[in-house]
Amino acid sequence: ARFNLKPIIFVLNNDGYLIERLLCKDPEAYYND
């Protein structure tokens, strides 16, 4: 906004670190929240 730029931004809200949930031993580990 400061430089008057006009991107299109998508923020994907999966309620946590999805890629880490898919990679780690326990997907529901608290560190993924």
PDB file of all heavy atoms in Angstrom:
ATOM      1  N   ALA A   1       0.826  -1.206   0.000  1.00  0.00           N
ATOM      2  CA  ALA A   1       0.000   0.000   0.000  1.00  0.00           C
ATOM      3  C   ALA A   1       0.859   1.254   0.000  1.00  0.00           C
ATOM      4  O   ALA A   1       0.546   2.242  -0.673  1.00  0.00           O
ATOM      5  CB  ALA A   1      -0.920  -0.007   1.223  1.00  0.00           C
ATOM      6  N   ARG A   2       1.952   1.215   0.731  1.00  0.00           N
ATOM      7  CA  ARG A   2       2.855   2.378   0.822  1.00  0.00           C
ATOM      8  C   ARG A   2       3.360   2.797  -0.550  1.00  0.00           C
ATOM      9  O   ARG A   2       3.514   3.994  -0.831  1.00  0.00           O
ATOM     10  CB  ARG A   2       4.021   2.030   1.742  1.00  0.00           C
ATOM     11  CG  ARG A   2       5.006   3.144   2.003  1.00  0.00           C
ATOM     12  CD  ARG A   2       6.132   2.608   2.867  1.00  0.00           C
ATOM     13  NE  ARG A   2       7.061   3.640   3.266  1.00  0.00           N
ATOM     14  CZ  ARG A   2       8.210   3.400   3.899  1.00  0.00           C
ATOM     15  NH1 ARG A   2       8.542   2.154   4.201  1.00  0.00           N
ATOM     16  NH2 ARG A   2       9.019   4.379   4.225  1.00  0.00           N
ATOM     17  N   PHE A   3       3.604   1.821  -1.415  1.00  0.00           N
ATOM     18  CA  PHE A   3       4.137   2.124  -2.744  1.00  0.00           C
ATOM     19  C   PHE A   3       3.072   1.990  -3.835  1.00  0.00           C
ATOM     20  O   PHE A   3       3.407   1.885  -5.015  1.00  0.00           O
ATOM     21  CB  PHE A   3       5.336   1.214  -3.033  1.00  0.00           C
ATOM     22  CG  PHE A   3       6.561   1.576  -2.227  1.00  0.00           C
ATOM     23  CD1 PHE A   3       6.789   1.001  -0.988  1.00  0.00           C
ATOM     24  CD2 PHE A   3       7.454   2.525  -2.695  1.00  0.00           C
ATOM     25  CE1 PHE A   3       7.904   1.346  -0.232  1.00  0.00           C
ATOM     26  CE2 PHE A   3       8.574   2.874  -1.955  1.00  0.00           C
ATOM     27  CZ  PHE A   3       8.810   2.286  -0.714  1.00  0.00           C
ATOM     28  N   ASN A   4       1.800   1.981  -3.424  1.00  0.00           N
ATOM     29  CA  ASN A   4       0.669   1.972  -4.355  1.00  0.00           C
ATOM     30  C   ASN A   4       0.723   0.783  -5.314  1.00  0.00           C
ATOM     31  O   ASN A   4       0.437   0.907  -6.503  1.00  0.00           O
ATOM     32  CB  ASN A   4       0.604   3.286  -5.147  1.00  0.00           C
ATOM     33  CG  ASN A   4      -0.746   3.487  -5.814  1.00  0.00           C
ATOM     34  OD1 ASN A   4      -1.780   3.065  -5.289  1.00  0.00           O
ATOM     35  ND2 ASN A   4      -0.751   4.112  -6.973  1.00  0.00           N
ATOM     36  N   LEU A   5       1.088  -0.368  -4.780  1.00  0.00           N
ATOM     37  CA  LEU A   5       1.130  -1.597  -5.554  1.00  0.00           C
ATOM     38  C   LEU A   5      -0.147  -2.392  -5.309  1.00  0.00           C
ATOM     39  O   LEU A   5      -0.727  -2.313  -4.234  1.00  0.00           O
ATOM     40  CB  LEU A   5       2.360  -2.423  -5.166  1.00  0.00           C
ATOM     41  CG  LEU A   5       3.695  -1.702  -5.373  1.00  0.00           C
ATOM     42  CD1 LEU A   5       4.827  -2.456  -4.692  1.00  0.00           C
ATOM     43  CD2 LEU A   5       3.990  -1.522  -6.864  1.00  0.00           C
ATOM     44  N   LYS A   6      -0.566  -3.186  -6.298  1.00  0.00           N
ATOM     45  CA  LYS A   6      -1.889  -3.796  -6.236  1.00  0.00           C
ATOM     46  C   LYS A   6      -1.837  -5.306  -6.497  1.00  0.00           C
ATOM     47  O   LYS A   6      -2.292  -5.796  -7.533  1.00  0.00           O
ATOM     48  CB  LYS A   6      -2.820  -3.110  -7.240  1.00  0.00           C
ATOM     49  CG  LYS A   6      -2.979  -1.613  -6.958  1.00  0.00           C
ATOM     50  CD  LYS A   6      -3.786  -0.908  -8.029  1.00  0.00           C
ATOM     51  CE  LYS A   6      -3.901   0.577  -7.728  1.00  0.00           C
ATOM     52  NZ  LYS A   6      -4.668   1.289  -8.782  1.00  0.00           N
ATOM     53  N   PRO A   7      -1.307  -6.055  -5.556  1.00  0.00           N
ATOM     54  CA  PRO A   7      -1.245  -7.502  -5.734  1.00  0.00           C
ATOM     55  C   PRO A   7      -2.611  -8.149  -5.503  1.00  0.00           C
ATOM     56  O   PRO A   7      -3.537  -7.535  -4.968  1.00  0.00           O
ATOM     57  CB  PRO A   7      -0.272  -7.924  -4.634  1.00  0.00           C
ATOM     58  CG  PRO A   7      -0.566  -6.949  -3.530  1.00  0.00           C
ATOM     59  CD  PRO A   7      -0.818  -5.628  -4.241  1.00  0.00           C
ATOM     60  N   ILE A   8      -2.698  -9.419  -5.903  1.00  0.00           N
ATOM     61  CA  ILE A   8      -3.803 -10.283  -5.486  1.00  0.00           C
ATOM     62  C   ILE A   8      -3.192 -11.325  -4.553  1.00  0.00           C
ATOM     63  O   ILE A   8      -2.310 -12.085  -4.955  1.00  0.00           O
ATOM     64  CB  ILE A   8      -4.491 -10.957  -6.677  1.00  0.00           C
ATOM     65  CG1 ILE A   8      -5.088  -9.909  -7.624  1.00  0.00           C
ATOM     66  CG2 ILE A   8      -5.587 -11.904  -6.203  1.00  0.00           C
ATOM     67  CD1 ILE A   8      -5.715 -10.502  -8.885  1.00  0.00           C
ATOM     68  N   ILE A   9      -3.658 -11.343  -3.303  1.00  0.00           N
ATOM     69  CA  ILE A   9      -3.059 -12.189  -2.271  1.00  0.00           C
ATOM     70  C   ILE A   9      -4.081 -13.210  -1.786  1.00  0.00           C
ATOM     71  O   ILE A   9      -5.224 -12.859  -1.448  1.00  0.00           O
ATOM     72  CB  ILE A   9      -2.565 -11.337  -1.085  1.00  0.00           C
ATOM     73  CG1 ILE A   9      -1.480 -10.354  -1.551  1.00  0.00           C
ATOM     74  CG2 ILE A   9      -2.046 -12.220   0.051  1.00  0.00           C
ATOM     75  CD1 ILE A   9      -1.042  -9.361  -0.482  1.00  0.00           C
ATOM     76  N   PHE A  10      -3.657 -14.462  -1.746  1.00  0.00           N
ATOM     77  CA  PHE A  10      -4.476 -15.543  -1.189  1.00  0.00           C
ATOM     78  C   PHE A  10      -3.756 -16.097   0.028  1.00  0.00           C
ATOM     79  O   PHE A  10      -2.603 -16.526  -0.069  1.00  0.00           O
ATOM     80  CB  PHE A  10      -4.682 -16.659  -2.213  1.00  0.00           C
ATOM     81  CG  PHE A  10      -5.471 -16.243  -3.420  1.00  0.00           C
ATOM     82  CD1 PHE A  10      -4.818 -15.748  -4.544  1.00  0.00           C
ATOM     83  CD2 PHE A  10      -6.854 -16.340  -3.438  1.00  0.00           C
ATOM     84  CE1 PHE A  10      -5.533 -15.356  -5.659  1.00  0.00           C
ATOM     85  CE2 PHE A  10      -7.583 -15.953  -4.555  1.00  0.00           C
ATOM     86  CZ  PHE A  10      -6.926 -15.451  -5.671  1.00  0.00           C
ATOM     87  N   VAL A  11      -4.441 -16.097   1.171  1.00  0.00           N
ATOM     88  CA  VAL A  11      -3.905 -16.693   2.395  1.00  0.00           C
ATOM     89  C   VAL A  11      -4.723 -17.939   2.692  1.00  0.00           C
ATOM     90  O   VAL A  11      -5.922 -17.855   2.963  1.00  0.00           O
ATOM     91  CB  VAL A  11      -3.971 -15.705   3.573  1.00  0.00           C
ATOM     92  CG1 VAL A  11      -3.448 -16.358   4.848  1.00  0.00           C
ATOM     93  CG2 VAL A  11      -3.164 -14.447   3.255  1.00  0.00           C
ATOM     94  N   LEU A  12      -4.092 -19.107   2.634  1.00  0.00           N
ATOM     95  CA  LEU A  12      -4.784 -20.379   2.824  1.00  0.00           C
ATOM     96  C   LEU A  12      -4.779 -20.731   4.300  1.00  0.00           C
ATOM     97  O   LEU A  12      -3.723 -21.002   4.877  1.00  0.00           O
ATOM     98  CB  LEU A  12      -4.104 -21.480   2.011  1.00  0.00           C
ATOM     99  CG  LEU A  12      -3.777 -21.132   0.540  1.00  0.00           C
ATOM    100  CD1 LEU A  12      -3.193 -22.339  -0.169  1.00  0.00           C
ATOM    101  CD2 LEU A  12      -4.999 -20.593  -0.185  1.00  0.00           C
ATOM    102  N   ASN A  13      -5.964 -20.721   4.902  1.00  0.00           N
ATOM    103  CA  ASN A  13      -6.102 -20.938   6.345  1.00  0.00           C
ATOM    104  C   ASN A  13      -6.526 -22.370   6.614  1.00  0.00           C
ATOM    105  O   ASN A  13      -7.690 -22.729   6.475  1.00  0.00           O
ATOM    106  CB  ASN A  13      -7.124 -19.949   6.921  1.00  0.00           C
ATOM    107  CG  ASN A  13      -7.199 -20.021   8.427  1.00  0.00           C
ATOM    108  OD1 ASN A  13      -6.655 -20.933   9.047  1.00  0.00           O
ATOM    109  ND2 ASN A  13      -7.879 -19.058   9.032  1.00  0.00           N
ATOM    110  N   ASN A  14      -5.540 -23.210   6.985  1.00  0.00           N
ATOM    111  CA  ASN A  14      -5.786 -24.618   7.306  1.00  0.00           C
ATOM    112  C   ASN A  14      -5.748 -24.889   8.807  1.00  0.00           C
ATOM    113  O   ASN A  14      -5.650 -26.046   9.217  1.00  0.00           O
ATOM    114  CB  ASN A  14      -4.747 -25.519   6.634  1.00  0.00           C
ATOM    115  CG  ASN A  14      -4.887 -25.555   5.131  1.00  0.00           C
ATOM    116  OD1 ASN A  14      -4.098 -24.940   4.422  1.00  0.00           O
ATOM    117  ND2 ASN A  14      -5.889 -26.270   4.639  1.00  0.00           N
ATOM    118  N   ASP A  15      -5.785 -23.813   9.612  1.00  0.00           N
ATOM    119  CA  ASP A  15      -5.758 -23.988  11.067  1.00  0.00           C
ATOM    120  C   ASP A  15      -4.478 -24.690  11.521  1.00  0.00           C
ATOM    121  O   ASP A  15      -4.513 -25.656  12.283  1.00  0.00           O
ATOM    122  CB  ASP A  15      -6.987 -24.767  11.537  1.00  0.00           C
ATOM    123  CG  ASP A  15      -7.128 -24.775  13.066  1.00  0.00           C
ATOM    124  OD1 ASP A  15      -6.626 -23.826  13.707  1.00  0.00           O
ATOM    125  OD2 ASP A  15      -7.721 -25.724  13.599  1.00  0.00           O
ATOM    126  N   GLY A  16      -3.341 -24.178  11.042  1.00  0.00           N
ATOM    127  CA  GLY A  16      -2.073 -24.729  11.516  1.00  0.00           C
ATOM    128  C   GLY A  16      -1.073 -24.922  10.398  1.00  0.00           C
ATOM    129  O   GLY A  16      -1.315 -24.575   9.235  1.00  0.00           O
ATOM    130  N   TYR A  17       0.081 -25.470  10.752  1.00  0.00           N
ATOM    131  CA  TYR A  17       1.134 -25.744   9.783  1.00  0.00           C
ATOM    132  C   TYR A  17       0.798 -27.037   9.041  1.00  0.00           C
ATOM    133  O   TYR A  17       1.187 -28.131   9.457  1.00  0.00           O
ATOM    134  CB  TYR A  17       2.482 -25.886  10.477  1.00  0.00           C
ATOM    135  CG  TYR A  17       3.040 -24.615  11.077  1.00  0.00           C
ATOM    136  CD1 TYR A  17       3.316 -24.530  12.438  1.00  0.00           C
ATOM    137  CD2 TYR A  17       3.324 -23.511  10.277  1.00  0.00           C
ATOM    138  CE1 TYR A  17       3.845 -23.384  12.989  1.00  0.00           C
ATOM    139  CE2 TYR A  17       3.847 -22.348  10.818  1.00  0.00           C
ATOM    140  CZ  TYR A  17       4.108 -22.292  12.177  1.00  0.00           C
ATOM    141  OH  TYR A  17       4.638 -21.150  12.717  1.00  0.00           O
ATOM    142  N   LEU A  18       0.099 -26.915   7.916  1.00  0.00           N
ATOM    143  CA  LEU A  18      -0.355 -28.111   7.215  1.00  0.00           C
ATOM    144  C   LEU A  18       0.810 -28.951   6.697  1.00  0.00           C
ATOM    145  O   LEU A  18       0.815 -30.172   6.848  1.00  0.00           O
ATOM    146  CB  LEU A  18      -1.285 -27.728   6.064  1.00  0.00           C
ATOM    147  CG  LEU A  18      -1.761 -28.892   5.186  1.00  0.00           C
ATOM    148  CD1 LEU A  18      -2.424 -29.980   6.006  1.00  0.00           C
ATOM    149  CD2 LEU A  18      -2.705 -28.383   4.092  1.00  0.00           C
ATOM    150  N   ILE A  19       1.795 -28.327   6.091  1.00  0.00           N
ATOM    151  CA  ILE A  19       2.896 -29.116   5.540  1.00  0.00           C
ATOM    152  C   ILE A  19       3.620 -29.878   6.644  1.00  0.00           C
ATOM    153  O   ILE A  19       4.046 -31.023   6.454  1.00  0.00           O
ATOM    154  CB  ILE A  19       3.875 -28.224   4.729  1.00  0.00           C
ATOM    155  CG1 ILE A  19       4.905 -29.084   3.980  1.00  0.00           C
ATOM    156  CG2 ILE A  19       4.569 -27.203   5.611  1.00  0.00           C
ATOM    157  CD1 ILE A  19       4.317 -30.028   2.968  1.00  0.00           C
ATOM    158  N   GLU A  20       3.739 -29.263   7.825  1.00  0.00           N
ATOM    159  CA  GLU A  20       4.394 -29.962   8.933  1.00  0.00           C
ATOM    160  C   GLU A  20       3.520 -31.122   9.430  1.00  0.00           C
ATOM    161  O   GLU A  20       4.031 -32.189   9.787  1.00  0.00           O
ATOM    162  CB  GLU A  20       4.671 -28.994  10.083  1.00  0.00           C
ATOM    163  CG  GLU A  20       5.426 -27.733   9.699  1.00  0.00           C
ATOM    164  CD  GLU A  20       6.831 -28.000   9.209  1.00  0.00           C
ATOM    165  OE1 GLU A  20       7.285 -29.161   9.238  1.00  0.00           O
ATOM    166  OE2 GLU A  20       7.490 -27.044   8.770  1.00  0.00           O
ATOM    167  N   ARG A  21       2.207 -30.926   9.428  1.00  0.00           N
ATOM    168  CA  ARG A  21       1.309 -32.026   9.827  1.00  0.00           C
ATOM    169  C   ARG A  21       1.490 -33.227   8.906  1.00  0.00           C
ATOM    170  O   ARG A  21       1.408 -34.382   9.330  1.00  0.00           O
ATOM    171  CB  ARG A  21      -0.147 -31.568   9.798  1.00  0.00           C
ATOM    172  CG  ARG A  21      -0.515 -30.492  10.819  1.00  0.00           C
ATOM    173  CD  ARG A  21      -2.022 -30.328  10.889  1.00  0.00           C
ATOM    174  NE  ARG A  21      -2.419 -29.098  11.559  1.00  0.00           N
ATOM    175  CZ  ARG A  21      -2.464 -28.927  12.877  1.00  0.00           C
ATOM    176  NH1 ARG A  21      -2.095 -29.927  13.674  1.00  0.00           N
ATOM    177  NH2 ARG A  21      -2.845 -27.778  13.401  1.00  0.00           N
ATOM    178  N   LEU A  22       1.707 -32.947   7.612  1.00  0.00           N
ATOM    179  CA  LEU A  22       1.844 -34.025   6.643  1.00  0.00           C
ATOM    180  C   LEU A  22       3.208 -34.714   6.742  1.00  0.00           C
ATOM    181  O   LEU A  22       3.345 -35.873   6.335  1.00  0.00           O
ATOM    182  CB  LEU A  22       1.659 -33.483   5.221  1.00  0.00           C
ATOM    183  CG  LEU A  22       0.270 -32.911   4.903  1.00  0.00           C
ATOM    184  CD1 LEU A  22       0.264 -32.300   3.513  1.00  0.00           C
ATOM    185  CD2 LEU A  22      -0.807 -33.993   5.017  1.00  0.00           C
ATOM    186  N   LEU A  23       4.194 -34.016   7.272  1.00  0.00           N
ATOM    187  CA  LEU A  23       5.549 -34.562   7.290  1.00  0.00           C
ATOM    188  C   LEU A  23       5.947 -35.209   8.616  1.00  0.00           C
ATOM    189  O   LEU A  23       6.791 -36.111   8.638  1.00  0.00           O
ATOM    190  CB  LEU A  23       6.570 -33.457   6.965  1.00  0.00           C
ATOM    191  CG  LEU A  23       6.447 -32.778   5.601  1.00  0.00           C
ATOM    192  CD1 LEU A  23       7.521 -31.707   5.464  1.00  0.00           C
ATOM    193  CD2 LEU A  23       6.568 -33.789   4.474  1.00  0.00           C
ATOM    194  N   CYS A  24       5.369 -34.768   9.716  1.00  0.00           N
ATOM    195  CA  CYS A  24       5.875 -35.183  11.028  1.00  0.00           C
ATOM    196  C   CYS A  24       5.230 -36.497  11.499  1.00  0.00           C
ATOM    197  O   CYS A  24       4.283 -37.006  10.900  1.00  0.00           O
ATOM    198  CB  CYS A  24       5.651 -34.086  12.059  1.00  0.00           C
ATOM    199  SG  CYS A  24       3.929 -33.851  12.520  1.00  0.00           S
ATOM    200  N   LYS A  25       5.733 -37.032  12.603  1.00  0.00           N
ATOM    201  CA  LYS A  25       5.265 -38.303  13.154  1.00  0.00           C
ATOM    202  C   LYS A  25       3.845 -38.194  13.686  1.00  0.00           C
ATOM    203  O   LYS A  25       3.012 -39.070  13.464  1.00  0.00           O
ATOM    204  CB  LYS A  25       6.223 -38.753  14.264  1.00  0.00           C
ATOM    205  CG  LYS A  25       5.852 -40.084  14.913  1.00  0.00           C
ATOM    206  CD  LYS A  25       6.918 -40.527  15.907  1.00  0.00           C
ATOM    207  CE  LYS A  25       6.942 -39.589  17.118  1.00  0.00           C
ATOM    208  NZ  LYS A  25       7.881 -40.075  18.158  1.00  0.00           N
ATOM    209  N   ASP A  26       3.551 -37.112  14.416  1.00  0.00           N
ATOM    210  CA  ASP A  26       2.228 -36.917  15.012  1.00  0.00           C
ATOM    211  C   ASP A  26       1.610 -35.647  14.446  1.00  0.00           C
ATOM    212  O   ASP A  26       1.942 -34.541  14.878  1.00  0.00           O
ATOM    213  CB  ASP A  26       2.340 -36.814  16.539  1.00  0.00           C
ATOM    214  CG  ASP A  26       0.988 -36.550  17.199  1.00  0.00           C
ATOM    215  OD1 ASP A  26      -0.047 -36.634  16.503  1.00  0.00           O
ATOM    216  OD2 ASP A  26       0.985 -36.251  18.418  1.00  0.00           O
ATOM    217  N   PRO A  27       0.709 -35.759  13.460  1.00  0.00           N
ATOM    218  CA  PRO A  27       0.139 -34.572  12.824  1.00  0.00           C
ATOM    219  C   PRO A  27      -0.540 -33.611  13.796  1.00  0.00           C
ATOM    220  O   PRO A  27      -0.577 -32.406  13.546  1.00  0.00           O
ATOM    221  CB  PRO A  27      -0.870 -35.152  11.829  1.00  0.00           C
ATOM    222  CG  PRO A  27      -0.406 -36.537  11.573  1.00  0.00           C
ATOM    223  CD  PRO A  27       0.197 -37.005  12.862  1.00  0.00           C
ATOM    224  N   GLU A  28      -1.065 -34.142  14.906  1.00  0.00           N
ATOM    225  CA  GLU A  28      -1.782 -33.291  15.846  1.00  0.00           C
ATOM    226  C   GLU A  28      -0.878 -32.761  16.967  1.00  0.00           C
ATOM    227  O   GLU A  28      -1.376 -32.228  17.960  1.00  0.00           O
ATOM    228  CB  GLU A  28      -2.963 -34.052  16.440  1.00  0.00           C
ATOM    229  CG  GLU A  28      -4.069 -34.344  15.434  1.00  0.00           C
ATOM    230  CD  GLU A  28      -4.639 -33.072  14.819  1.00  0.00           C
ATOM    231  OE1 GLU A  28      -4.867 -32.092  15.557  1.00  0.00           O
ATOM    232  OE2 GLU A  28      -4.837 -33.049  13.592  1.00  0.00           O
ATOM    233  N   ALA A  29       0.421 -32.902  16.803  1.00  0.00           N
ATOM    234  CA  ALA A  29       1.347 -32.360  17.805  1.00  0.00           C
ATOM    235  C   ALA A  29       1.103 -30.861  17.985  1.00  0.00           C
ATOM    236  O   ALA A  29       0.833 -30.138  17.021  1.00  0.00           O
ATOM    237  CB  ALA A  29       2.784 -32.620  17.388  1.00  0.00           C
ATOM    238  N   TYR A  30       1.233 -30.411  19.227  1.00  0.00           N
ATOM    239  CA  TYR A  30       0.886 -29.030  19.554  1.00  0.00           C
ATOM    240  C   TYR A  30       1.741 -28.018  18.790  1.00  0.00           C
ATOM    241  O   TYR A  30       1.299 -26.901  18.516  1.00  0.00           O
ATOM    242  CB  TYR A  30       1.037 -28.824  21.061  1.00  0.00           C
ATOM    243  CG  TYR A  30       0.637 -27.441  21.537  1.00  0.00           C
ATOM    244  CD1 TYR A  30      -0.690 -27.027  21.469  1.00  0.00           C
ATOM    245  CD2 TYR A  30       1.585 -26.545  22.032  1.00  0.00           C
ATOM    246  CE1 TYR A  30      -1.064 -25.757  21.892  1.00  0.00           C
ATOM    247  CE2 TYR A  30       1.223 -25.281  22.457  1.00  0.00           C
ATOM    248  CZ  TYR A  30      -0.101 -24.888  22.386  1.00  0.00           C
ATOM    249  OH  TYR A  30      -0.466 -23.633  22.794  1.00  0.00           O
ATOM    250  N   TYR A  31       2.963 -28.411  18.430  1.00  0.00           N
ATOM    251  CA  TYR A  31       3.832 -27.455  17.734  1.00  0.00           C
ATOM    252  C   TYR A  31       3.342 -27.113  16.336  1.00  0.00           C
ATOM    253  O   TYR A  31       3.854 -26.189  15.705  1.00  0.00           O
ATOM    254  CB  TYR A  31       5.284 -27.945  17.688  1.00  0.00           C
ATOM    255  CG  TYR A  31       5.525 -29.324  17.108  1.00  0.00           C
ATOM    256  CD1 TYR A  31       5.358 -29.587  15.745  1.00  0.00           C
ATOM    257  CD2 TYR A  31       5.954 -30.362  17.926  1.00  0.00           C
ATOM    258  CE1 TYR A  31       5.593 -30.839  15.216  1.00  0.00           C
ATOM    259  CE2 TYR A  31       6.200 -31.627  17.407  1.00  0.00           C
ATOM    260  CZ  TYR A  31       6.022 -31.865  16.053  1.00  0.00           C
ATOM    261  OH  TYR A  31       6.266 -33.112  15.529  1.00  0.00           O
ATOM    262  N   ASN A  32       2.338 -27.829  15.838  1.00  0.00           N
ATOM    263  CA  ASN A  32       1.763 -27.504  14.540  1.00  0.00           C
ATOM    264  C   ASN A  32       0.567 -26.561  14.631  1.00  0.00           C
ATOM    265  O   ASN A  32      -0.015 -26.188  13.611  1.00  0.00           O
ATOM    266  CB  ASN A  32       1.335 -28.779  13.803  1.00  0.00           C
ATOM    267  CG  ASN A  32       2.520 -29.597  13.339  1.00  0.00           C
ATOM    268  OD1 ASN A  32       3.540 -29.033  12.934  1.00  0.00           O
ATOM    269  ND2 ASN A  32       2.411 -30.916  13.396  1.00  0.00           N
ATOM    270  N   ASP A  33       0.182 -26.193  15.857  1.00  0.00           N
ATOM    271  CA  ASP A  33      -0.942 -25.285  16.045  1.00  0.00           C
ATOM    272  C   ASP A  33      -0.483 -23.834  15.951  1.00  0.00           C
ATOM    273  O   ASP A  33       0.686 -23.512  16.209  1.00  0.00           O
ATOM    274  CB  ASP A  33      -1.601 -25.522  17.406  1.00  0.00           C
ATOM    275  CG  ASP A  33      -2.253 -26.903  17.500  1.00  0.00           C
ATOM    276  OD1 ASP A  33      -2.508 -27.500  16.432  1.00  0.00           O
ATOM    277  OD2 ASP A  33      -2.479 -27.371  18.632  1.00  0.00           O
TER     278      ASP A  33
END
